[in-house]
Amino acid sequence: MTRHQRILIAVTLALFAWLLHVSYCDWTWREPVSGNVPRRSVRPLMTLRHDAPDGSTLATGLVTQPHVDPQAALWLGILAPLALIAVDAFLILGWRQQDRVRKGLCPQCGYDLRGDKAGSTSACPECGFRRSSSPGGPTPNPSARNG
């Protein structure tokens, strides 16, 4: 997969998360409250209530549109976008490590290992990370770490 394709996937996931959030949730800031709900026709999901200097009550927080169920807003408007952003970050960081290994850099710190005469089984001189030949993958070398 090319770098441009990775960037496209990362941006697409983030935009999809944003679209999910804005289609299910809305934010209020110091919205006047009459009774139990803010004056405009929304349903409170997670709001903080505070008193204004003039004695009225104001609400700040997350609300849903009147036609959206609060549970759907919670799952599809908050938790699903957060999960998409977490997957996006995981993919980006995983691709970063793969790129480092492919370029001959230490996967842990990015130190250039191409001039290392000891080969790929030696520890990184910068961070002490040791690539093992076992199927378990790379393992850190605790004796080479500063600390």
C-alpha atoms as a PDB file:
ATOM      1  CA  MET A   1       0.000   0.000   0.000  1.00  0.00           C
ATOM      2  CA  THR A   2       1.421   3.375  -0.948  1.00  0.00           C
ATOM      3  CA  ARG A   3       1.801   6.341   1.357  1.00  0.00           C
ATOM      4  CA  HIS A   4      -0.951   8.257  -0.447  1.00  0.00           C
ATOM      5  CA  GLN A   5      -3.393   5.379   0.021  1.00  0.00           C
ATOM      6  CA  ARG A   6      -2.604   5.275   3.749  1.00  0.00           C
ATOM      7  CA  ILE A   7      -3.199   8.993   4.062  1.00  0.00           C
ATOM      8  CA  LEU A   8      -6.496   8.639   2.182  1.00  0.00           C
ATOM      9  CA  ILE A   9      -7.653   5.865   4.534  1.00  0.00           C
ATOM     10  CA  ALA A  10      -6.654   7.862   7.622  1.00  0.00           C
ATOM     11  CA  VAL A  11      -8.466  11.002   6.449  1.00  0.00           C
ATOM     12  CA  THR A  12     -11.543   9.016   5.366  1.00  0.00           C
ATOM     13  CA  LEU A  13     -11.863   7.323   8.771  1.00  0.00           C
ATOM     14  CA  ALA A  14     -11.549  10.653  10.560  1.00  0.00           C
ATOM     15  CA  LEU A  15     -14.148  12.307   8.305  1.00  0.00           C
ATOM     16  CA  PHE A  16     -16.555   9.399   8.748  1.00  0.00           C
ATOM     17  CA  ALA A  17     -16.162   9.689  12.531  1.00  0.00           C
ATOM     18  CA  TRP A  18     -16.877  13.413  12.333  1.00  0.00           C
ATOM     19  CA  LEU A  19     -19.967  12.851  10.145  1.00  0.00           C
ATOM     20  CA  LEU A  20     -21.317  10.279  12.591  1.00  0.00           C
ATOM     21  CA  HIS A  21     -20.849  12.697  15.459  1.00  0.00           C
ATOM     22  CA  VAL A  22     -22.462  15.727  13.841  1.00  0.00           C
ATOM     23  CA  SER A  23     -25.416  13.730  12.526  1.00  0.00           C
ATOM     24  CA  TYR A  24     -26.360  12.422  15.982  1.00  0.00           C
ATOM     25  CA  CYS A  25     -25.117  15.046  18.450  1.00  0.00           C
ATOM     26  CA  ASP A  26     -25.100  18.769  18.968  1.00  0.00           C
ATOM     27  CA  TRP A  27     -23.332  20.910  21.533  1.00  0.00           C
ATOM     28  CA  THR A  28     -24.874  23.681  23.603  1.00  0.00           C
ATOM     29  CA  TRP A  29     -23.064  26.495  25.321  1.00  0.00           C
ATOM     30  CA  ARG A  30     -24.878  28.438  28.025  1.00  0.00           C
ATOM     31  CA  GLU A  31     -28.247  27.628  26.514  1.00  0.00           C
ATOM     32  CA  PRO A  32     -31.224  28.981  28.530  1.00  0.00           C
ATOM     33  CA  VAL A  33     -33.235  26.206  30.198  1.00  0.00           C
ATOM     34  CA  SER A  34     -36.967  26.285  30.787  1.00  0.00           C
ATOM     35  CA  GLY A  35     -38.112  23.436  32.989  1.00  0.00           C
ATOM     36  CA  ASN A  36     -36.042  20.338  32.267  1.00  0.00           C
ATOM     37  CA  VAL A  37     -34.883  20.969  28.711  1.00  0.00           C
ATOM     38  CA  PRO A  38     -33.149  23.792  26.862  1.00  0.00           C
ATOM     39  CA  ARG A  39     -35.482  26.207  25.067  1.00  0.00           C
ATOM     40  CA  ARG A  40     -34.661  25.003  21.575  1.00  0.00           C
ATOM     41  CA  SER A  41     -36.118  21.629  20.688  1.00  0.00           C
ATOM     42  CA  VAL A  42     -33.301  19.263  21.632  1.00  0.00           C
ATOM     43  CA  ARG A  43     -32.963  16.362  24.067  1.00  0.00           C
ATOM     44  CA  PRO A  44     -30.286  16.621  26.767  1.00  0.00           C
ATOM     45  CA  LEU A  45     -27.753  13.793  26.682  1.00  0.00           C
ATOM     46  CA  MET A  46     -24.899  14.994  28.880  1.00  0.00           C
ATOM     47  CA  THR A  47     -25.369  18.542  30.082  1.00  0.00           C
ATOM     48  CA  LEU A  48     -24.137  20.609  32.981  1.00  0.00           C
ATOM     49  CA  ARG A  49     -26.537  23.090  34.505  1.00  0.00           C
ATOM     50  CA  HIS A  50     -25.366  26.335  36.072  1.00  0.00           C
ATOM     51  CA  ASP A  51     -26.974  29.523  37.254  1.00  0.00           C
ATOM     52  CA  ALA A  52     -26.635  32.738  35.309  1.00  0.00           C
ATOM     53  CA  PRO A  53     -26.058  36.069  37.077  1.00  0.00           C
ATOM     54  CA  ASP A  54     -29.646  37.083  36.289  1.00  0.00           C
ATOM     55  CA  GLY A  55     -31.030  34.050  38.167  1.00  0.00           C
ATOM     56  CA  SER A  56     -31.942  31.905  35.165  1.00  0.00           C
ATOM     57  CA  THR A  57     -30.579  28.395  34.606  1.00  0.00           C
ATOM     58  CA  LEU A  58     -28.206  27.676  31.714  1.00  0.00           C
ATOM     59  CA  ALA A  59     -27.170  24.337  30.201  1.00  0.00           C
ATOM     60  CA  THR A  60     -23.828  23.500  28.614  1.00  0.00           C
ATOM     61  CA  GLY A  61     -23.012  20.129  27.091  1.00  0.00           C
ATOM     62  CA  LEU A  62     -24.066  17.476  24.637  1.00  0.00           C
ATOM     63  CA  VAL A  63     -27.626  17.261  23.346  1.00  0.00           C
ATOM     64  CA  THR A  64     -29.402  15.329  20.624  1.00  0.00           C
ATOM     65  CA  GLN A  65     -31.874  16.385  18.009  1.00  0.00           C
ATOM     66  CA  PRO A  66     -35.542  15.698  18.916  1.00  0.00           C
ATOM     67  CA  HIS A  67     -35.863  12.802  16.450  1.00  0.00           C
ATOM     68  CA  VAL A  68     -32.709  11.005  17.722  1.00  0.00           C
ATOM     69  CA  ASP A  69     -32.849   8.506  20.551  1.00  0.00           C
ATOM     70  CA  PRO A  70     -30.334   9.403  23.308  1.00  0.00           C
ATOM     71  CA  GLN A  71     -28.955   5.844  23.340  1.00  0.00           C
ATOM     72  CA  ALA A  72     -28.327   5.982  19.594  1.00  0.00           C
ATOM     73  CA  ALA A  73     -26.661   9.364  20.024  1.00  0.00           C
ATOM     74  CA  LEU A  74     -24.419   7.948  22.726  1.00  0.00           C
ATOM     75  CA  TRP A  75     -23.404   4.863  20.727  1.00  0.00           C
ATOM     76  CA  LEU A  76     -23.327   6.255  17.198  1.00  0.00           C
ATOM     77  CA  GLY A  77     -22.519   9.876  17.989  1.00  0.00           C
ATOM     78  CA  ILE A  78     -19.807   9.421  20.603  1.00  0.00           C
ATOM     79  CA  LEU A  79     -18.552   5.863  21.042  1.00  0.00           C
ATOM     80  CA  ALA A  80     -18.423   4.834  17.363  1.00  0.00           C
ATOM     81  CA  PRO A  81     -16.449   7.956  16.322  1.00  0.00           C
ATOM     82  CA  LEU A  82     -14.047   7.422  19.219  1.00  0.00           C
ATOM     83  CA  ALA A  83     -13.543   3.810  18.128  1.00  0.00           C
ATOM     84  CA  LEU A  84     -12.923   4.931  14.538  1.00  0.00           C
ATOM     85  CA  ILE A  85     -10.357   7.476  15.704  1.00  0.00           C
ATOM     86  CA  ALA A  86      -8.653   4.774  17.823  1.00  0.00           C
ATOM     87  CA  VAL A  87      -8.503   2.417  14.823  1.00  0.00           C
ATOM     88  CA  ASP A  88      -7.172   5.277  12.727  1.00  0.00           C
ATOM     89  CA  ALA A  89      -4.387   6.001  15.220  1.00  0.00           C
ATOM     90  CA  PHE A  90      -3.551   2.296  15.516  1.00  0.00           C
ATOM     91  CA  LEU A  91      -3.281   1.944  11.755  1.00  0.00           C
ATOM     92  CA  ILE A  92      -1.163   5.053  11.384  1.00  0.00           C
ATOM     93  CA  LEU A  93       1.225   3.996  14.153  1.00  0.00           C
ATOM     94  CA  GLY A  94       1.430   0.434  12.790  1.00  0.00           C
ATOM     95  CA  TRP A  95       2.244   1.725   9.317  1.00  0.00           C
ATOM     96  CA  ARG A  96       4.889   3.961  10.828  1.00  0.00           C
ATOM     97  CA  GLN A  97       6.627   0.986  12.446  1.00  0.00           C
ATOM     98  CA  GLN A  98       6.459  -1.056   9.233  1.00  0.00           C
ATOM     99  CA  ASP A  99       7.987   1.843   7.307  1.00  0.00           C
ATOM    100  CA  ARG A 100      10.807   2.108   9.824  1.00  0.00           C
ATOM    101  CA  VAL A 101      11.680  -1.595   9.522  1.00  0.00           C
ATOM    102  CA  ARG A 102      11.502  -1.467   5.723  1.00  0.00           C
ATOM    103  CA  LYS A 103      13.859   1.537   5.636  1.00  0.00           C
ATOM    104  CA  GLY A 104      16.394  -0.119   7.977  1.00  0.00           C
ATOM    105  CA  LEU A 105      15.548   1.977  11.032  1.00  0.00           C
ATOM    106  CA  CYS A 106      14.938   0.847  14.605  1.00  0.00           C
ATOM    107  CA  PRO A 107      11.187   0.204  14.969  1.00  0.00           C
ATOM    108  CA  GLN A 108      11.231   1.555  18.525  1.00  0.00           C
ATOM    109  CA  CYS A 109      13.070   4.891  18.207  1.00  0.00           C
ATOM    110  CA  GLY A 110      13.781   5.353  14.479  1.00  0.00           C
ATOM    111  CA  TYR A 111      17.597   5.254  14.797  1.00  0.00           C
ATOM    112  CA  ASP A 112      19.333   4.471  11.496  1.00  0.00           C
ATOM    113  CA  LEU A 113      20.619   0.868  11.696  1.00  0.00           C
ATOM    114  CA  ARG A 114      21.778   0.560   8.081  1.00  0.00           C
ATOM    115  CA  GLY A 115      25.430   1.154   8.979  1.00  0.00           C
ATOM    116  CA  ASP A 116      25.389  -1.380  11.828  1.00  0.00           C
ATOM    117  CA  LYS A 117      28.104  -3.982  11.232  1.00  0.00           C
ATOM    118  CA  ALA A 118      26.709  -6.468  13.772  1.00  0.00           C
ATOM    119  CA  GLY A 119      23.654  -7.249  11.659  1.00  0.00           C
ATOM    120  CA  SER A 120      19.931  -7.206  12.298  1.00  0.00           C
ATOM    121  CA  THR A 121      20.112  -9.342  15.451  1.00  0.00           C
ATOM    122  CA  SER A 122      22.090  -6.804  17.483  1.00  0.00           C
ATOM    123  CA  ALA A 123      20.491  -4.301  19.809  1.00  0.00           C
ATOM    124  CA  CYS A 124      19.834  -0.743  18.773  1.00  0.00           C
ATOM    125  CA  PRO A 125      22.672   1.445  20.124  1.00  0.00           C
ATOM    126  CA  GLU A 126      20.213   4.269  20.819  1.00  0.00           C
ATOM    127  CA  CYS A 127      17.403   2.580  22.788  1.00  0.00           C
ATOM    128  CA  GLY A 128      18.554  -1.035  23.279  1.00  0.00           C
ATOM    129  CA  PHE A 129      15.705  -2.546  21.277  1.00  0.00           C
ATOM    130  CA  ARG A 130      16.690  -6.028  20.068  1.00  0.00           C
ATOM    131  CA  ARG A 131      14.994  -7.684  17.107  1.00  0.00           C
ATOM    132  CA  SER A 132      14.665 -11.380  17.757  1.00  0.00           C
ATOM    133  CA  SER A 133      14.448 -14.092  15.148  1.00  0.00           C
ATOM    134  CA  SER A 134      11.693 -15.856  17.099  1.00  0.00           C
ATOM    135  CA  PRO A 135       8.110 -15.803  15.806  1.00  0.00           C
ATOM    136  CA  GLY A 136       7.141 -13.679  18.801  1.00  0.00           C
ATOM    137  CA  GLY A 137       8.711 -10.673  17.148  1.00  0.00           C
ATOM    138  CA  PRO A 138      11.059  -8.045  18.495  1.00  0.00           C
ATOM    139  CA  THR A 139      11.889  -7.919  22.177  1.00  0.00           C
ATOM    140  CA  PRO A 140      13.462  -5.115  24.175  1.00  0.00           C
ATOM    141  CA  ASN A 141      16.948  -5.632  25.589  1.00  0.00           C
ATOM    142  CA  PRO A 142      16.756  -4.517  29.256  1.00  0.00           C
ATOM    143  CA  SER A 143      20.546  -4.566  29.777  1.00  0.00           C
ATOM    144  CA  ALA A 144      21.148  -1.879  27.130  1.00  0.00           C
ATOM    145  CA  ARG A 145      18.604   0.606  28.508  1.00  0.00           C
ATOM    146  CA  ASN A 146      19.554   3.585  30.574  1.00  0.00           C
ATOM    147  CA  GLY A 147      17.702   3.941  33.706  1.00  0.00           C
END
